[in-house]
Protein backbone atom coordinates (compact mmCIF):
# COMPACT_ATOMS: atom_id res chain seq x y z
CA MET A 1 186.09 160.99 -93.46
CA SER A 2 186.42 164.17 -91.43
CA LEU A 3 187.36 163.56 -87.82
CA GLY A 4 186.78 165.97 -84.96
CA SER A 5 189.81 164.67 -83.10
CA CYS A 6 192.20 161.79 -83.35
CA ARG A 7 194.63 160.69 -80.70
CA LYS A 8 197.32 158.04 -80.79
CA PHE A 9 198.36 156.47 -77.53
CA PRO A 10 202.04 155.41 -77.63
CA PRO A 11 202.82 151.70 -77.41
CA PRO A 12 204.44 150.41 -74.22
CA PRO A 13 208.23 150.01 -74.16
CA ALA A 14 209.45 146.63 -75.40
CA GLY A 15 209.39 144.07 -72.63
CA ALA A 16 207.74 146.44 -70.18
CA ALA A 17 205.72 144.83 -67.43
CA PRO A 18 202.14 145.96 -66.77
CA THR A 19 201.82 148.67 -64.15
CA ALA A 20 199.31 148.93 -61.34
CA ARG A 21 197.38 151.68 -63.06
CA LYS A 22 195.00 151.14 -65.94
CA PHE A 23 196.59 151.59 -69.34
CA THR A 24 195.77 151.45 -73.03
CA TRP A 25 197.38 151.99 -76.38
CA GLY A 26 196.32 152.15 -80.03
CA TRP A 27 194.19 154.50 -82.09
CA SER A 28 191.11 156.27 -80.76
CA PHE A 29 188.80 158.22 -83.10
CA HIS A 30 186.27 160.65 -81.70
CA ARG A 31 183.65 162.99 -83.12
CA HIS A 32 183.53 163.56 -86.86
CA GLY A 33 182.16 166.26 -89.05
CA HIS A 34 180.90 169.61 -87.79
CA ASN A 35 177.41 168.66 -86.69
CA PRO A 36 177.39 168.83 -82.86
CA LEU A 37 174.62 166.23 -82.76
CA THR A 38 176.55 163.60 -84.73
CA TRP A 39 178.83 161.38 -82.73
CA ARG A 40 180.92 158.44 -83.81
CA LEU A 41 181.94 155.67 -81.49
CA LEU A 42 185.43 154.18 -81.71
CA SER A 43 186.53 152.93 -85.11
CA ASP A 44 186.52 149.35 -83.75
CA PRO A 45 183.28 148.90 -81.77
CA GLN A 46 184.83 145.92 -80.00
CA GLU A 47 187.38 148.26 -78.43
CA GLU A 48 184.93 150.94 -77.29
CA GLY A 49 184.79 149.88 -73.64
CA GLU A 50 188.55 149.90 -73.15
CA GLU A 51 189.14 153.19 -74.96
CA GLN A 52 186.34 154.99 -73.18
CA GLN A 53 187.61 153.88 -69.79
CA GLN A 54 190.93 155.67 -70.35
CA LYS A 55 190.48 159.05 -68.70
CA GLY A 56 190.43 161.85 -71.24
CA SER A 57 190.37 159.58 -74.29
CA ILE A 58 186.92 160.75 -75.41
CA VAL A 59 187.62 164.42 -76.06
CA THR A 60 186.36 166.86 -78.66
CA GLU A 61 187.95 170.02 -79.91
CA ASP A 62 185.05 172.17 -78.75
CA SER A 63 182.96 172.34 -75.59
CA THR A 64 179.65 171.24 -77.11
CA ALA A 65 178.06 168.70 -74.78
CA ASN A 66 176.41 165.52 -75.96
CA PRO A 67 172.81 165.88 -74.72
CA PRO A 68 170.90 162.93 -73.21
CA SER A 69 168.64 162.62 -76.24
CA VAL A 70 171.66 161.98 -78.47
CA ILE A 71 173.24 159.39 -76.19
CA LEU A 72 169.95 157.60 -75.65
CA SER A 73 169.28 157.60 -79.40
CA LEU A 74 172.35 155.38 -79.76
CA ILE A 75 170.60 152.73 -77.65
CA PRO A 76 167.49 151.07 -79.12
CA ASN A 77 164.39 150.32 -77.07
CA ILE A 78 165.70 152.04 -73.98
CA SER A 79 163.52 152.85 -71.01
CA LEU A 80 165.56 154.91 -68.58
CA LYS A 81 164.75 157.90 -66.43
CA VAL A 82 166.57 161.03 -67.60
CA TYR A 83 167.36 163.39 -64.72
CA GLU A 84 167.98 167.09 -64.88
CA PHE A 85 171.37 168.09 -63.52
CA HIS A 86 169.87 170.25 -60.79
CA GLN A 87 168.05 167.18 -59.43
CA LEU A 88 171.28 165.23 -59.01
CA ASN A 89 173.14 168.27 -57.76
CA GLN A 90 170.56 168.75 -55.01
CA ALA A 91 170.40 165.03 -54.23
CA THR A 92 174.17 164.89 -53.64
CA LYS A 93 174.39 168.27 -51.86
CA GLY A 94 176.31 169.77 -54.73
CA PHE A 95 178.45 166.63 -55.16
CA SER A 96 179.99 167.45 -51.81
CA THR A 97 182.99 165.67 -50.36
CA GLU A 98 180.88 164.30 -47.53
CA ARG A 99 178.65 162.53 -50.07
CA ARG A 100 181.54 161.10 -52.08
CA ILE A 101 182.33 157.43 -51.56
CA GLU A 102 186.01 157.24 -50.74
CA GLY A 103 188.30 156.24 -53.59
CA SER A 104 185.67 156.59 -56.29
CA SER A 105 183.70 159.03 -58.43
CA VAL A 106 180.44 157.81 -56.89
CA TYR A 107 178.25 159.94 -54.62
CA ARG A 108 175.51 159.01 -52.19
CA ALA A 109 172.21 160.64 -53.13
CA GLU A 110 168.61 160.92 -52.01
CA LEU A 111 166.15 160.77 -54.89
CA SER A 112 162.41 160.81 -54.20
CA GLY A 113 163.13 159.85 -50.61
CA SER A 114 165.17 156.77 -51.52
CA PRO A 115 168.95 156.26 -51.42
CA ALA A 116 170.81 156.06 -54.72
CA ALA A 117 174.37 156.12 -56.02
CA VAL A 118 175.38 158.67 -58.66
CA LYS A 119 178.51 157.96 -60.69
CA ARG A 120 180.15 160.88 -62.49
CA MET A 121 182.15 160.14 -65.68
CA ASN A 122 183.83 162.21 -68.37
CA ARG A 123 183.34 159.68 -71.15
CA ASP A 124 180.68 158.23 -73.41
CA VAL A 125 178.55 155.74 -71.50
CA SER A 126 176.20 154.44 -74.20
CA GLY A 127 177.83 151.00 -74.21
CA GLU A 128 177.54 150.57 -70.45
CA ILE A 129 173.93 151.78 -70.47
CA ASN A 130 173.13 149.43 -73.32
CA ILE A 131 174.37 146.30 -71.55
CA LEU A 132 172.84 147.22 -68.18
CA MET A 133 169.45 147.85 -69.77
CA LYS A 134 169.54 144.35 -71.25
CA ILE A 135 170.24 142.72 -67.89
CA ASN A 136 167.72 142.14 -65.13
CA HIS A 137 169.52 139.98 -62.61
CA PHE A 138 169.73 140.23 -58.84
CA ASN A 139 173.49 139.74 -58.77
CA ILE A 140 174.31 142.48 -61.28
CA ILE A 141 173.99 146.12 -60.26
CA SER A 142 170.89 147.82 -61.65
CA LEU A 143 170.81 151.15 -63.45
CA SER A 144 167.86 153.45 -62.81
CA GLY A 145 168.70 156.79 -64.40
CA PHE A 146 170.96 159.00 -66.45
CA CYS A 147 171.99 162.64 -66.88
CA SER A 148 174.33 164.52 -69.20
CA HIS A 149 175.50 168.03 -68.31
CA LEU A 150 178.26 170.11 -69.93
CA GLY A 151 179.96 167.05 -71.35
CA THR A 152 179.86 165.05 -68.11
CA CYS A 153 177.74 161.92 -67.81
CA TYR A 154 176.02 160.79 -64.62
CA LEU A 155 174.64 157.30 -64.08
CA VAL A 156 172.21 156.60 -61.25
CA TYR A 157 172.44 153.14 -59.68
CA GLU A 158 170.79 151.32 -56.81
CA TYR A 159 172.55 152.17 -53.55
CA MET A 160 174.57 149.40 -51.90
CA GLU A 161 174.66 150.11 -48.18
CA ASN A 162 177.72 148.02 -47.30
CA GLY A 163 179.99 149.35 -50.00
CA SER A 164 182.58 147.31 -51.85
CA LEU A 165 183.84 143.88 -50.92
CA ARG A 166 187.37 145.24 -50.85
CA ASP A 167 186.44 147.54 -47.98
CA TRP A 168 185.58 144.48 -45.92
CA ILE A 169 188.61 142.46 -46.99
CA ILE A 170 191.29 144.99 -46.10
CA HIS A 171 189.54 146.77 -43.22
CA LYS A 172 191.50 146.58 -39.97
CA ASP A 173 188.44 146.96 -37.75
CA ARG A 174 187.69 143.48 -36.44
CA SER A 175 184.01 144.39 -36.17
CA LYS A 176 183.94 144.43 -39.99
CA VAL A 177 185.29 140.91 -40.39
CA LEU A 178 182.87 138.70 -42.33
CA PRO A 179 181.99 135.21 -41.00
CA TRP A 180 183.00 132.22 -43.12
CA ILE A 181 179.47 131.44 -44.28
CA GLN A 182 178.93 135.06 -45.30
CA ARG A 183 182.06 134.93 -47.42
CA ILE A 184 180.91 131.81 -49.24
CA LYS A 185 177.49 133.38 -49.86
CA ILE A 186 179.19 136.45 -51.35
CA ALA A 187 181.38 134.29 -53.58
CA LEU A 188 178.33 132.34 -54.76
CA ASP A 189 176.43 135.55 -55.54
CA VAL A 190 179.30 136.83 -57.68
CA ALA A 191 179.70 133.49 -59.46
CA ILE A 192 175.99 133.44 -60.34
CA GLY A 193 176.14 137.03 -61.61
CA LEU A 194 179.13 136.29 -63.84
CA GLU A 195 177.54 133.07 -65.08
CA HIS A 196 174.53 135.13 -66.18
CA LEU A 197 176.77 137.66 -67.93
CA HIS A 198 178.68 134.92 -69.77
CA GLY A 199 175.83 132.68 -70.79
CA TYR A 200 172.46 134.39 -70.53
CA THR A 201 172.93 137.88 -71.99
CA GLU A 202 172.52 138.53 -75.69
CA PRO A 203 175.19 138.67 -76.91
CA PRO A 204 177.28 136.93 -74.22
CA CYS A 205 179.64 139.32 -72.45
CA VAL A 206 182.93 139.27 -70.58
CA HIS A 207 183.24 141.72 -67.67
CA LYS A 208 187.03 142.15 -68.03
CA ASP A 209 187.47 143.99 -64.72
CA VAL A 210 186.43 141.55 -62.00
CA LYS A 211 188.01 142.58 -58.70
CA SER A 212 186.94 143.04 -55.10
CA SER A 213 186.38 146.79 -55.49
CA ASN A 214 183.89 146.09 -58.31
CA ILE A 215 181.76 143.81 -56.13
CA LEU A 216 179.21 145.71 -54.04
CA LEU A 217 177.28 144.54 -50.97
CA ASP A 218 173.73 145.53 -50.10
CA GLY A 219 172.27 145.89 -46.61
CA ASP A 220 171.93 142.10 -46.28
CA PHE A 221 175.46 141.48 -47.62
CA ARG A 222 174.15 140.12 -50.89
CA ALA A 223 176.75 140.72 -53.57
CA LYS A 224 176.32 142.34 -56.97
CA VAL A 225 178.78 142.68 -59.83
CA ALA A 226 179.30 146.34 -60.73
CA ASN A 227 181.30 148.63 -63.03
CA LEU A 228 180.73 147.15 -66.49
CA GLY A 229 182.58 149.98 -68.21
CA LEU A 230 185.14 147.60 -69.76
CA PHE A 231 182.76 144.80 -70.73
CA ARG A 232 183.29 143.05 -74.06
CA PRO A 233 180.33 141.60 -76.00
CA ALA A 234 180.86 138.57 -78.20
CA ALA A 235 181.19 139.12 -81.93
CA GLY A 236 179.51 136.98 -84.59
CA GLY A 237 179.47 133.31 -83.75
CA GLY A 238 179.96 134.05 -80.07
CA GLU A 239 183.69 134.62 -80.49
CA PHE A 240 185.76 137.27 -78.68
CA PRO A 241 188.45 138.66 -80.99
CA PRO A 242 191.77 139.47 -79.30
CA THR A 243 192.59 143.08 -78.50
CA ARG A 244 195.65 145.30 -78.59
CA HIS A 245 194.18 147.50 -75.87
CA ILE A 246 195.11 145.85 -72.59
CA VAL A 247 193.22 147.48 -69.73
CA GLY A 248 193.07 146.05 -66.25
CA THR A 249 194.49 145.84 -62.77
CA VAL A 250 197.70 143.98 -62.07
CA GLY A 251 197.09 141.00 -59.83
CA TYR A 252 193.67 140.26 -61.34
CA MET A 253 194.40 139.93 -65.07
CA ALA A 254 194.63 136.46 -66.59
CA PRO A 255 198.04 135.81 -68.17
CA GLU A 256 196.71 135.18 -71.69
CA TYR A 257 194.94 138.55 -71.60
CA ALA A 258 197.78 140.54 -70.02
CA GLU A 259 200.40 139.09 -72.36
CA HIS A 260 198.54 138.51 -75.63
CA GLY A 261 195.19 140.29 -75.45
CA PHE A 262 193.16 137.06 -75.66
CA ILE A 263 189.61 137.50 -74.38
CA SER A 264 187.15 134.84 -73.27
CA PRO A 265 184.91 134.21 -70.25
CA SER A 266 187.93 132.39 -68.82
CA ILE A 267 189.66 135.69 -68.03
CA ASP A 268 186.77 136.52 -65.68
CA VAL A 269 187.13 133.08 -64.09
CA TYR A 270 190.80 133.80 -63.40
CA SER A 271 190.01 137.21 -61.90
CA PHE A 272 187.27 135.66 -59.79
CA GLY A 273 189.78 133.13 -58.50
CA VAL A 274 191.87 136.03 -57.23
CA VAL A 275 188.79 137.56 -55.61
CA MET A 276 187.96 134.27 -53.88
CA MET A 277 191.52 134.06 -52.65
CA GLU A 278 191.21 137.54 -51.16
CA LEU A 279 187.78 136.78 -49.76
CA VAL A 280 188.66 133.65 -47.85
CA THR A 281 192.15 134.65 -46.66
CA GLY A 282 191.37 138.28 -45.82
CA ARG A 283 194.39 139.52 -47.78
CA ASP A 284 194.47 141.60 -50.96
CA ALA A 285 195.70 140.37 -54.33
CA ALA A 286 199.18 141.83 -53.84
CA THR A 287 199.89 139.56 -50.87
CA ALA A 288 197.42 136.68 -51.18
CA ALA A 289 198.87 134.88 -54.21
CA PRO A 290 199.32 131.22 -53.32
CA GLY A 291 202.21 129.07 -54.43
CA GLY A 292 199.94 126.12 -55.12
CA GLU A 293 197.07 124.24 -53.58
CA GLU A 294 198.97 123.24 -50.44
CA SER A 295 200.19 126.74 -49.61
CA PHE A 296 196.74 128.20 -50.19
CA ALA A 297 195.18 125.52 -48.00
CA ALA A 298 197.69 126.36 -45.28
CA ALA A 299 196.86 130.08 -45.50
CA LEU A 300 193.14 129.36 -45.42
CA THR A 301 193.51 126.94 -42.50
CA SER A 302 195.42 129.56 -40.53
CA PHE A 303 192.77 132.17 -41.30
CA LEU A 304 189.86 129.97 -40.26
CA GLY A 305 191.73 129.14 -37.07
CA GLY A 306 191.87 132.83 -36.24
CA GLY A 307 195.65 132.82 -36.45
CA GLY A 308 195.81 130.91 -33.17
CA GLY A 309 195.65 127.32 -34.39
CA ASP A 310 193.86 124.97 -36.73
CA PRO A 311 190.08 125.11 -37.27
CA PRO A 312 187.97 122.11 -36.24
CA GLU A 313 188.83 118.84 -37.97
CA GLU A 314 185.43 118.71 -39.71
CA MET A 315 186.13 122.02 -41.44
CA ARG A 316 189.18 120.76 -43.27
CA SER A 317 187.02 119.42 -46.07
CA PHE A 318 185.83 123.00 -46.67
CA VAL A 319 189.44 124.16 -46.71
CA LEU A 320 190.48 121.54 -49.25
CA ALA A 321 187.43 122.17 -51.46
CA MET A 322 188.07 125.93 -51.52
CA ALA A 323 191.78 125.43 -52.16
CA ARG A 324 191.05 123.18 -55.12
CA LEU A 325 188.44 125.53 -56.55
CA VAL A 326 190.64 128.62 -56.29
CA ASN A 327 193.62 126.91 -57.84
CA THR A 328 191.63 125.54 -60.78
CA CYS A 329 190.34 129.06 -61.44
CA LEU A 330 193.97 130.30 -61.41
CA GLU A 331 195.28 127.77 -63.92
CA ASP A 332 197.64 129.38 -66.43
CA ASP A 333 195.99 127.39 -69.22
CA PRO A 334 192.50 128.84 -69.75
CA ALA A 335 191.28 125.51 -71.14
CA ARG A 336 191.84 123.94 -67.71
CA ARG A 337 189.77 126.49 -65.84
CA PRO A 338 186.13 125.71 -65.00
CA ASP A 339 183.31 127.82 -66.38
CA MET A 340 181.35 130.01 -63.98
CA GLY A 341 178.46 127.58 -63.91
CA LYS A 342 180.70 124.85 -62.49
CA VAL A 343 182.26 127.33 -60.04
CA ALA A 344 178.77 128.27 -58.81
CA ARG A 345 177.82 124.61 -58.35
CA VAL A 346 180.95 123.87 -56.31
CA LEU A 347 180.39 126.94 -54.13
CA SER A 348 176.78 125.91 -53.59
CA VAL A 349 177.93 122.51 -52.27
CA ILE A 350 180.50 124.15 -49.98
CA LEU A 351 177.86 126.55 -48.67
CA THR A 352 175.35 123.75 -48.02
CA GLU A 353 177.92 121.68 -46.15
CA SER A 354 179.05 124.72 -44.15
CA LEU A 355 175.47 125.55 -43.16
CA THR A 356 174.86 121.94 -42.13
CA TRP A 357 178.01 121.95 -40.02
CA ALA A 358 177.08 125.25 -38.37
CA ALA A 359 173.47 124.17 -37.66
CA ALA A 360 174.76 121.20 -35.67
CA ARG A 361 177.04 123.45 -33.62
CA PRO A 362 175.08 126.61 -32.72
CA GLU A 363 177.73 127.54 -30.15
CA ASN A 364 180.31 127.93 -32.93
CA PRO A 365 178.55 128.94 -36.17
CA LEU A 366 181.78 129.32 -38.16
CA LYS A 367 182.52 132.80 -36.88
CA ILE A 368 186.05 134.10 -37.27
């Protein structure tokens, strides 16, 4: 087989700990032959998401761009609007800095009078398009269009007015602090979205990059799971073979994945446990890690009390329920973690009880 380019990423040093940046190693094969319209995905299709996420890993030896018709031909039965580059360029004011969403490659756009988000990527996106076109679920970000120009791919998504959950967790402006009930609603939205991804897509999928910056909030603070660039579909029999290409963010990765490359829906459950911990304590993953159920309950109690004392006695059942749920999601043994369906059911009960409590006390509707 003639390969257009082949790159080997060096293995990590023996005993090296994962770093905060995303990383990958192993073999990556790119375009083959001399026909500019013939493209080959990675030699192991199960690894395509991880390899493509690594910046610069999908590179050819010439500057021939992969046109939209070629990328879309890789995806059967697709119905997706293909934009001309000049349309997106105009909609984002030339991809100006003022339209760029801080800390990302996403730009705010106006298309046909409606807001949209345009994500710019220098990698093949056929896998991400494929999975998003199979999903029609309120709690998973929707894809509306696509463009390819001079080797750069642009995906057009629905616009989420309130940005990422992380922005609200770490923001120092007290006016951006989310009430307790809003936080539980957000957690429930994410749990339902992940449950759909794990059990109701065909084939079932694992997100593999669940974190607060990949959860977006719309104008009503409804949450949607975003950034499926690293997703892993199940192989035959619904199994997820292990991988040598460990890609993720330290603080969110499940231990069996970070250390051994084992993949299952349980790694998303673990990551979601970290997100819930951030969500209900208001601290990021680097500082929010609990030392057990009691320490997490203490941190949550302090947070709900506004840092100036304990919350009302009746709320302690919420504290204990959340502490138990988070800690079961963070079990080192993946077999002891709940599935996302059970997580969603527990969150639904906590939300119902919180709403009942707040309705009986309109003067103190669980605001923090």
